[in-house]
Amino acid sequence: MREERPGLRVAVAALQHRDFRLFYIALLAAALGAQIQTTANLWQVYELTGSALHLGLTGLARAVPVLALSLMGGVIADRVNRRTFIMITQAVTGMLAVVLALLTAGGLIQVWHIYLTVFLGGTLMAVNAPARTAMVPSLVPRHHLLNAIALQSTVWQVANVVGPAIAGLLIGVFGLGATYFLNGLAHVVTVGVLALVQVGALASRPRESPVKSLLEGIRFVRQESIILVLLVMDTAATLLGAYRALMPIFAIRLGAGSEGFGTLLSSSAVGAVLGAAAIMALGDVRYKGLFVIFGILGYCAALVLLGLAPWLPVALVAVALLGFFDSVQMLPRNTVIQAITPDHLRGRVSSFQSMLTGGAPSLGQATSGALATLVGAPLAVIVGAVSCAIVILGIAGTRPDLRERDLGAMKEPQTGR
């Protein structure tokens, strides 16, 4: 393969392919709507209850289906038309947003309505996330696969920049009903753009039963133990270092209001985009395991800064650093996992990854909300940061392969099964 020099063209190389470009736009629209709705959910729950525990329960409502159903989503992703499946699930997700809009506009909204829609949305996310990840290799040539995976990983970060800020503005100017309706509109755009994507036929559908298919994916993850190690490290960060559910409390504590709440969430995404841009511009970096280790440790340090922040500008810097270091560890981690996974197992391995990386942050919101109820939000994030750092240092000391120069070097495609 021809060696490419680091730079902007390398960072966005996969976007030169029409179908991946359309796929990226569709995912960005869906992610933008989802971030708008998540921001509105958190603000409305706190508006209705004034409780940190209730804020955390939104995370629990999302975590349960993600943890329970993600593996099933991987089996589905390796057996169905992935594009059609994603279109159906995104359409239903948009309908849920419209239901919340109508309940809010009619003055009928209750907290349990929000929990239920978050639960149903988490269910849809759990079953379609593996299909989204597994679809990427059919949209780009192999030499642009890692770049496509990295770009896909930035979708949520880009949406995080715009989504919470738009949500904060909409909540302040038009109210929560309009905010939910915009999410429904975003999913209409997603389905329409996905309809234009042309996807190659699935290479070979599994012939064994769904249970055997699932067990094959789990055996591979156990065999390639570095995958599990990397995911456990990320789980430590997102479970112990969860902070997003506490943002309404920090916003009010610092006198920022709903607009400031949206700005706080957006600052995380600004940092994440900068971190992703830096990693992608470097190209195929060496010592990916060290990037993961020090990225998470930097994340822990930023959490401590957030907990100690006396003013809004300091909190904005801390949250931006959280996003930056999250990207610094996330992209090398995802690259290693996808590079060592054969194509026919991508859906199932991606489902295992989605179960942890999607479920742990939501579960972390519940635990951080409960801890904040007892000791306050600032101390809760500091305790989480210290706990996370201890776990990461322990893993780093016992896994020398994390310090290998060529960890996750691209393997040649397998010709048989």
Protein backbone atom coordinates (compact mmCIF):
# COMPACT_ATOMS: atom_id res chain seq x y z
CA MET A 1 0.00 0.00 0.00
CA ARG A 2 1.24 3.47 -0.85
CA GLU A 3 2.47 5.38 2.21
CA GLU A 4 0.58 8.65 2.78
CA ARG A 5 2.02 11.65 4.55
CA PRO A 6 0.18 13.05 7.60
CA GLY A 7 -2.05 16.03 6.86
CA LEU A 8 -5.59 17.17 6.10
CA ARG A 9 -6.05 15.02 2.98
CA VAL A 10 -5.07 11.91 4.92
CA ALA A 11 -7.38 12.89 7.80
CA VAL A 12 -10.47 12.96 5.53
CA ALA A 13 -9.41 10.51 2.81
CA ALA A 14 -12.48 8.26 3.16
CA LEU A 15 -14.83 11.16 2.36
CA GLN A 16 -13.76 11.04 -1.29
CA HIS A 17 -16.00 7.96 -1.67
CA ARG A 18 -19.61 8.95 -2.48
CA ASP A 19 -21.43 6.29 -0.47
CA PHE A 20 -19.34 6.78 2.65
CA ARG A 21 -19.83 10.54 2.31
CA LEU A 22 -23.62 10.08 2.23
CA PHE A 23 -23.44 7.63 5.11
CA TYR A 24 -21.45 10.15 7.13
CA ILE A 25 -24.04 12.87 6.48
CA ALA A 26 -26.86 10.53 7.51
CA LEU A 27 -25.12 9.57 10.75
CA LEU A 28 -24.32 13.21 11.49
CA ALA A 29 -27.98 14.20 11.12
CA ALA A 30 -29.04 11.36 13.43
CA ALA A 31 -26.35 12.18 15.99
CA LEU A 32 -27.23 15.87 15.91
CA GLY A 33 -30.88 15.10 16.64
CA ALA A 34 -29.96 12.63 19.36
CA GLN A 35 -27.73 15.14 21.14
CA ILE A 36 -30.44 17.77 20.97
CA GLN A 37 -32.90 15.32 22.53
CA THR A 38 -30.46 14.12 25.21
CA THR A 39 -29.80 17.71 26.25
CA ALA A 40 -33.52 18.44 26.36
CA ASN A 41 -34.17 15.25 28.35
CA LEU A 42 -31.65 16.17 31.03
CA TRP A 43 -32.88 19.75 31.31
CA GLN A 44 -36.54 18.72 31.46
CA VAL A 45 -35.92 16.03 34.09
CA TYR A 46 -34.08 18.52 36.29
CA GLU A 47 -36.78 21.13 35.65
CA LEU A 48 -39.47 18.67 36.74
CA THR A 49 -37.67 17.13 39.74
CA GLY A 50 -34.64 19.22 40.78
CA SER A 51 -32.96 15.91 41.64
CA ALA A 52 -29.46 14.66 40.80
CA LEU A 53 -30.71 11.11 41.34
CA HIS A 54 -33.45 11.53 38.74
CA LEU A 55 -30.87 12.90 36.30
CA GLY A 56 -28.82 9.77 36.85
CA LEU A 57 -31.82 7.54 36.25
CA THR A 58 -32.00 8.76 32.65
CA GLY A 59 -28.62 7.10 32.19
CA LEU A 60 -29.88 3.89 33.80
CA ALA A 61 -32.90 3.86 31.46
CA ARG A 62 -30.50 4.00 28.51
CA ALA A 63 -27.93 1.58 29.96
CA VAL A 64 -30.27 -1.35 30.56
CA PRO A 65 -31.21 -2.02 26.91
CA VAL A 66 -27.72 -1.23 25.63
CA LEU A 67 -26.15 -3.75 28.00
CA ALA A 68 -28.88 -6.34 27.42
CA LEU A 69 -29.38 -6.12 23.65
CA SER A 70 -26.14 -4.98 22.00
CA LEU A 71 -24.89 -8.54 21.46
CA MET A 72 -28.17 -9.40 19.76
CA GLY A 73 -27.64 -6.38 17.53
CA GLY A 74 -24.32 -7.82 16.41
CA VAL A 75 -25.93 -11.10 15.36
CA ILE A 76 -28.59 -9.15 13.45
CA ALA A 77 -25.95 -6.98 11.76
CA ASP A 78 -24.25 -10.05 10.27
CA ARG A 79 -27.53 -11.47 8.93
CA VAL A 80 -29.72 -8.67 7.48
CA ASN A 81 -29.62 -5.83 4.95
CA ARG A 82 -27.80 -3.35 7.17
CA ARG A 83 -28.90 -0.19 5.37
CA THR A 84 -32.60 -1.10 5.50
CA PHE A 85 -32.35 -2.12 9.14
CA ILE A 86 -30.68 1.18 10.09
CA MET A 87 -33.34 3.14 8.17
CA ILE A 88 -36.18 1.39 10.03
CA THR A 89 -34.67 1.90 13.48
CA GLN A 90 -33.88 5.56 12.78
CA ALA A 91 -37.44 6.19 11.59
CA VAL A 92 -38.87 4.72 14.81
CA THR A 93 -36.41 6.80 16.87
CA GLY A 94 -37.71 9.92 15.15
CA MET A 95 -41.28 8.94 16.03
CA LEU A 96 -40.34 8.75 19.71
CA ALA A 97 -39.06 12.34 19.55
CA VAL A 98 -42.35 13.50 18.02
CA VAL A 99 -44.29 11.79 20.82
CA LEU A 100 -42.26 13.71 23.42
CA ALA A 101 -42.84 16.93 21.49
CA LEU A 102 -46.62 16.40 21.53
CA LEU A 103 -46.71 15.47 25.23
CA THR A 104 -44.63 18.51 26.14
CA ALA A 105 -46.62 20.91 23.96
CA GLY A 106 -49.88 19.56 25.43
CA GLY A 107 -48.68 19.99 29.01
CA LEU A 108 -49.04 16.28 29.66
CA ILE A 109 -45.37 15.38 30.09
CA GLN A 110 -44.31 13.43 33.17
CA VAL A 111 -40.91 12.13 34.21
CA TRP A 112 -41.83 8.54 33.44
CA HIS A 113 -42.59 9.52 29.84
CA ILE A 114 -39.00 10.69 29.47
CA TYR A 115 -37.60 7.53 31.08
CA LEU A 116 -39.72 5.35 28.79
CA THR A 117 -38.65 7.11 25.59
CA VAL A 118 -35.02 7.05 26.71
CA PHE A 119 -35.37 3.29 27.34
CA LEU A 120 -36.96 2.68 23.93
CA GLY A 121 -34.37 4.90 22.24
CA GLY A 122 -31.60 2.98 23.98
CA THR A 123 -33.14 -0.27 22.73
CA LEU A 124 -33.08 0.96 19.13
CA MET A 125 -29.53 2.27 19.53
CA ALA A 126 -28.39 -1.07 20.96
CA VAL A 127 -29.62 -3.11 18.02
CA ASN A 128 -28.59 -0.73 15.22
CA ALA A 129 -25.16 0.45 16.43
CA PRO A 130 -23.37 -2.77 15.37
CA ALA A 131 -24.98 -2.52 11.92
CA ARG A 132 -23.69 1.04 11.53
CA THR A 133 -20.15 0.00 12.39
CA ALA A 134 -20.23 -3.20 10.31
CA MET A 135 -21.54 -1.33 7.26
CA VAL A 136 -18.45 0.88 6.92
CA PRO A 137 -16.11 -1.71 5.30
CA SER A 138 -18.56 -2.10 2.39
CA LEU A 139 -18.42 1.64 1.63
CA VAL A 140 -14.66 2.23 1.25
CA PRO A 141 -11.65 0.31 -0.12
CA ARG A 142 -9.58 -1.50 2.49
CA HIS A 143 -6.71 1.01 2.46
CA HIS A 144 -9.15 3.73 3.62
CA LEU A 145 -10.94 1.56 6.19
CA LEU A 146 -9.13 2.82 9.26
CA ASN A 147 -9.67 6.42 8.19
CA ALA A 148 -13.38 5.71 7.64
CA ILE A 149 -13.64 4.18 11.12
CA ALA A 150 -11.92 7.21 12.62
CA LEU A 151 -14.21 9.60 10.75
CA GLN A 152 -17.26 7.63 11.85
CA SER A 153 -16.05 7.98 15.43
CA THR A 154 -16.02 11.77 15.06
CA VAL A 155 -19.70 11.93 14.07
CA TRP A 156 -20.88 12.15 17.65
CA GLN A 157 -18.16 14.64 18.55
CA VAL A 158 -19.13 16.97 15.72
CA ALA A 159 -22.79 16.63 16.69
CA ASN A 160 -21.88 17.33 20.31
CA VAL A 161 -20.47 20.71 19.31
CA VAL A 162 -23.67 21.87 17.63
CA GLY A 163 -26.42 19.77 19.25
CA PRO A 164 -26.28 20.92 22.89
CA ALA A 165 -25.76 24.55 21.89
CA ILE A 166 -28.79 24.44 19.57
CA ALA A 167 -30.79 22.65 22.27
CA GLY A 168 -29.91 25.24 24.90
CA LEU A 169 -30.90 28.04 22.53
CA LEU A 170 -34.15 26.32 21.49
CA ILE A 171 -35.11 25.57 25.09
CA GLY A 172 -34.53 29.19 26.08
CA VAL A 173 -36.31 30.74 23.07
CA PHE A 174 -38.96 28.27 21.84
CA GLY A 175 -39.32 25.73 24.64
CA LEU A 176 -38.82 22.00 24.96
CA GLY A 177 -41.57 20.96 22.53
CA ALA A 178 -39.84 22.59 19.56
CA THR A 179 -36.55 21.05 20.65
CA TYR A 180 -37.97 17.54 20.51
CA PHE A 181 -39.66 18.21 17.18
CA LEU A 182 -36.31 19.22 15.63
CA ASN A 183 -34.91 15.83 16.62
CA GLY A 184 -37.77 14.15 14.77
CA LEU A 185 -36.99 16.26 11.70
CA ALA A 186 -33.31 15.28 11.88
CA HIS A 187 -34.25 11.61 11.66
CA VAL A 188 -36.33 12.28 8.54
CA VAL A 189 -33.14 13.65 6.96
CA THR A 190 -31.22 10.58 8.11
CA VAL A 191 -33.63 8.13 6.51
CA GLY A 192 -33.75 10.13 3.27
CA VAL A 193 -29.98 10.28 2.88
CA LEU A 194 -29.52 6.60 3.76
CA ALA A 195 -31.91 5.72 0.94
CA LEU A 196 -29.33 7.15 -1.50
CA VAL A 197 -26.46 4.98 -0.22
CA GLN A 198 -25.49 2.03 -2.41
CA VAL A 199 -24.17 -0.91 -0.42
CA GLY A 200 -22.47 -4.00 -1.76
CA ALA A 201 -23.89 -7.42 -0.97
CA LEU A 202 -23.01 -8.95 2.39
CA ALA A 203 -20.00 -11.20 1.78
CA SER A 204 -21.45 -14.34 3.40
CA ARG A 205 -24.19 -14.63 5.96
CA PRO A 206 -23.55 -16.92 8.94
CA ARG A 207 -24.98 -20.40 8.40
CA GLU A 208 -24.93 -21.44 12.04
CA SER A 209 -27.66 -20.66 14.55
CA PRO A 210 -27.78 -17.17 16.12
CA VAL A 211 -26.55 -18.60 19.44
CA LYS A 212 -23.52 -20.27 17.84
CA SER A 213 -22.88 -17.12 15.83
CA LEU A 214 -22.88 -15.06 19.03
CA LEU A 215 -20.58 -17.50 20.81
CA GLU A 216 -18.13 -17.37 17.92
CA GLY A 217 -17.82 -13.61 18.37
CA ILE A 218 -17.34 -13.94 22.14
CA ARG A 219 -14.65 -16.61 21.64
CA PHE A 220 -12.76 -14.29 19.31
CA VAL A 221 -12.82 -11.47 21.88
CA ARG A 222 -11.51 -13.85 24.55
CA GLN A 223 -8.80 -15.08 22.19
CA GLU A 224 -7.69 -11.54 21.29
CA SER A 225 -7.55 -10.43 24.92
CA ILE A 226 -6.14 -6.99 24.06
CA ILE A 227 -9.64 -6.10 22.77
CA LEU A 228 -11.13 -6.84 26.18
CA VAL A 229 -8.33 -4.95 27.96
CA LEU A 230 -8.88 -1.83 25.84
CA LEU A 231 -12.63 -1.96 26.39
CA VAL A 232 -12.23 -2.43 30.15
CA MET A 233 -10.01 0.68 30.23
CA ASP A 234 -12.62 2.70 28.38
CA THR A 235 -15.34 1.31 30.65
CA ALA A 236 -13.37 2.47 33.70
CA ALA A 237 -13.27 6.00 32.27
CA THR A 238 -16.91 6.19 31.25
CA LEU A 239 -18.33 4.37 34.28
CA LEU A 240 -16.20 5.90 37.04
CA GLY A 241 -15.61 9.20 35.27
CA ALA A 242 -19.17 9.93 34.10
CA TYR A 243 -20.08 13.61 34.35
CA ARG A 244 -22.59 14.55 31.61
CA ALA A 245 -25.71 13.86 33.70
CA LEU A 246 -24.40 16.33 36.30
CA MET A 247 -23.99 19.20 33.83
CA PRO A 248 -27.34 20.85 34.70
CA ILE A 249 -26.16 21.02 38.31
CA PHE A 250 -22.82 22.59 37.35
CA ALA A 251 -24.59 25.03 35.00
CA ILE A 252 -26.97 26.24 37.71
CA ARG A 253 -24.24 26.24 40.36
CA LEU A 254 -22.10 28.51 38.16
CA GLY A 255 -25.07 30.76 37.25
CA ALA A 256 -25.14 29.77 33.57
CA GLY A 257 -28.79 28.79 32.92
CA SER A 258 -30.02 26.64 30.03
CA GLU A 259 -27.85 28.44 27.45
CA GLY A 260 -24.78 27.89 29.62
CA PHE A 261 -25.76 24.26 30.07
CA GLY A 262 -25.75 23.78 26.31
CA THR A 263 -22.43 25.63 26.05
CA LEU A 264 -20.86 23.38 28.68
CA LEU A 265 -21.88 20.24 26.78
CA SER A 266 -20.72 21.76 23.49
CA SER A 267 -17.30 22.63 24.90
CA SER A 268 -16.70 18.93 25.46
CA ALA A 269 -17.37 18.31 21.81
CA VAL A 270 -15.11 21.18 20.70
CA GLY A 271 -12.27 19.56 22.60
CA ALA A 272 -13.19 16.16 21.18
CA VAL A 273 -13.10 17.45 17.61
CA LEU A 274 -9.70 19.04 18.20
CA GLY A 275 -8.40 15.79 19.68
CA ALA A 276 -9.79 13.74 16.80
CA ALA A 277 -8.35 16.16 14.24
CA ALA A 278 -4.93 15.93 15.86
CA ILE A 279 -4.94 12.12 15.88
CA MET A 280 -6.26 11.79 12.32
CA ALA A 281 -3.75 14.31 10.97
CA LEU A 282 -0.93 12.24 12.47
CA GLY A 283 -2.07 9.26 10.41
CA ASP A 284 -1.39 5.72 11.60
CA VAL A 285 0.31 6.56 14.90
CA ARG A 286 2.63 4.14 16.67
CA TYR A 287 2.32 3.11 20.33
CA LYS A 288 -1.46 3.23 20.24
CA GLY A 289 -1.68 1.60 23.67
CA LEU A 290 0.26 4.48 25.23
CA PHE A 291 -2.11 6.96 23.60
CA VAL A 292 -4.96 5.12 25.29
CA ILE A 293 -3.25 5.07 28.71
CA PHE A 294 -2.20 8.71 28.79
CA GLY A 295 -5.41 9.85 27.12
CA ILE A 296 -7.48 8.38 29.95
CA LEU A 297 -5.13 9.72 32.62
CA GLY A 298 -5.45 13.18 31.05
CA TYR A 299 -9.23 12.70 31.14
CA CYS A 300 -9.01 12.00 34.89
CA ALA A 301 -6.99 15.17 35.45
CA ALA A 302 -9.58 17.22 33.56
CA LEU A 303 -12.34 15.73 35.75
CA VAL A 304 -10.54 16.95 38.86
CA LEU A 305 -10.28 20.42 37.30
CA LEU A 306 -14.04 20.40 36.63
CA GLY A 307 -14.79 19.43 40.22
CA LEU A 308 -12.63 22.29 41.52
CA ALA A 309 -13.78 24.91 38.97
CA PRO A 310 -14.96 28.08 40.78
CA TRP A 311 -16.10 29.93 37.64
CA LEU A 312 -17.79 29.07 34.36
CA PRO A 313 -14.72 29.78 32.14
CA VAL A 314 -12.65 27.31 34.15
CA ALA A 315 -15.42 24.71 33.88
CA LEU A 316 -15.59 25.28 30.10
CA VAL A 317 -11.84 24.63 29.78
CA ALA A 318 -12.10 21.50 31.95
CA VAL A 319 -14.98 20.07 29.92
CA ALA A 320 -13.18 20.86 26.65
CA LEU A 321 -10.15 18.95 27.95
CA LEU A 322 -12.43 16.02 28.82
CA GLY A 323 -13.52 15.88 25.20
CA PHE A 324 -9.98 16.28 23.91
CA PHE A 325 -8.51 13.44 25.95
CA ASP A 326 -11.49 11.20 25.26
CA SER A 327 -10.78 11.47 21.52
CA VAL A 328 -7.05 10.96 22.05
CA GLN A 329 -7.71 7.56 23.64
CA MET A 330 -10.82 6.59 21.66
CA LEU A 331 -9.52 6.72 18.09
CA PRO A 332 -6.36 4.61 18.64
CA ARG A 333 -8.45 2.17 20.69
CA ASN A 334 -11.08 1.76 17.98
CA THR A 335 -8.38 1.46 15.32
CA VAL A 336 -6.68 -1.40 17.16
CA ILE A 337 -9.96 -3.28 17.66
CA GLN A 338 -11.14 -2.95 14.06
CA ALA A 339 -7.70 -3.70 12.60
CA ILE A 340 -7.35 -7.06 14.34
CA THR A 341 -10.96 -8.15 13.71
CA PRO A 342 -11.70 -10.16 10.53
CA ASP A 343 -14.49 -8.81 8.34
CA HIS A 344 -16.95 -11.65 8.94
CA LEU A 345 -16.85 -11.00 12.72
CA ARG A 346 -17.09 -7.21 12.64
CA GLY A 347 -20.78 -7.05 13.48
CA ARG A 348 -20.46 -9.29 16.52
CA VAL A 349 -17.25 -7.72 17.82
CA SER A 350 -18.76 -4.28 17.24
CA SER A 351 -21.80 -5.35 19.26
CA PHE A 352 -19.59 -6.36 22.19
CA GLN A 353 -17.84 -3.01 21.90
CA SER A 354 -21.17 -1.15 21.70
CA MET A 355 -22.43 -2.98 24.78
CA LEU A 356 -19.57 -1.63 26.88
CA THR A 357 -18.86 1.75 25.29
CA GLY A 358 -22.59 2.49 24.98
CA GLY A 359 -23.81 0.97 28.22
CA ALA A 360 -21.07 2.03 30.63
CA PRO A 361 -21.49 5.81 30.12
CA SER A 362 -25.23 5.52 30.69
CA LEU A 363 -24.74 3.35 33.76
CA GLY A 364 -22.09 5.84 34.90
CA GLN A 365 -24.68 8.60 34.74
CA ALA A 366 -26.82 6.66 37.20
CA THR A 367 -23.96 6.04 39.63
CA SER A 368 -22.66 9.62 39.39
CA GLY A 369 -26.16 10.94 40.02
CA ALA A 370 -26.52 8.74 43.10
CA LEU A 371 -23.07 9.75 44.42
CA ALA A 372 -23.77 13.44 43.75
CA THR A 373 -26.95 13.14 45.81
CA LEU A 374 -24.81 12.06 48.78
CA VAL A 375 -21.68 14.22 48.47
CA GLY A 376 -22.48 16.87 45.84
CA ALA A 377 -21.58 17.03 42.14
CA PRO A 378 -18.04 18.50 42.49
CA LEU A 379 -16.82 15.85 44.92
CA ALA A 380 -18.56 13.10 42.96
CA VAL A 381 -16.54 13.79 39.80
CA ILE A 382 -13.28 14.06 41.79
CA VAL A 383 -13.88 10.69 43.47
CA GLY A 384 -14.64 9.18 40.07
CA ALA A 385 -11.45 10.63 38.56
CA VAL A 386 -9.21 9.22 41.30
CA SER A 387 -10.88 5.80 41.11
CA CYS A 388 -10.48 5.70 37.33
CA ALA A 389 -6.80 6.68 37.47
CA ILE A 390 -6.08 3.86 39.94
CA VAL A 391 -7.71 1.29 37.64
CA ILE A 392 -5.85 2.52 34.54
CA LEU A 393 -2.46 2.55 36.25
CA GLY A 394 -3.11 -0.98 37.52
CA ILE A 395 -3.94 -2.27 34.02
CA ALA A 396 -1.00 -0.45 32.44
CA GLY A 397 1.36 -2.07 34.92
CA THR A 398 0.15 -5.60 34.20
CA ARG A 399 -0.18 -5.49 30.39
CA PRO A 400 3.19 -4.85 28.71
CA ASP A 401 1.59 -5.36 25.28
CA LEU A 402 -0.06 -1.95 25.71
CA ARG A 403 3.41 -0.46 25.27
CA GLU A 404 4.14 -2.26 21.99
CA ARG A 405 5.18 -0.04 19.09
CA ASP A 406 2.96 -1.71 16.48
CA LEU A 407 -0.06 -2.65 18.57
CA GLY A 408 -3.02 -3.10 16.23
CA ALA A 409 -1.06 -3.23 12.98
CA MET A 410 -3.49 -3.99 10.13
CA LYS A 411 -3.83 -7.70 9.51
CA GLU A 412 -4.21 -9.11 6.04
CA PRO A 413 -7.76 -10.09 5.05
CA GLN A 414 -8.69 -13.68 5.77
CA THR A 415 -9.75 -15.76 2.82
CA GLY A 416 -11.56 -18.48 4.70
CA ARG A 417 -13.62 -19.02 7.78
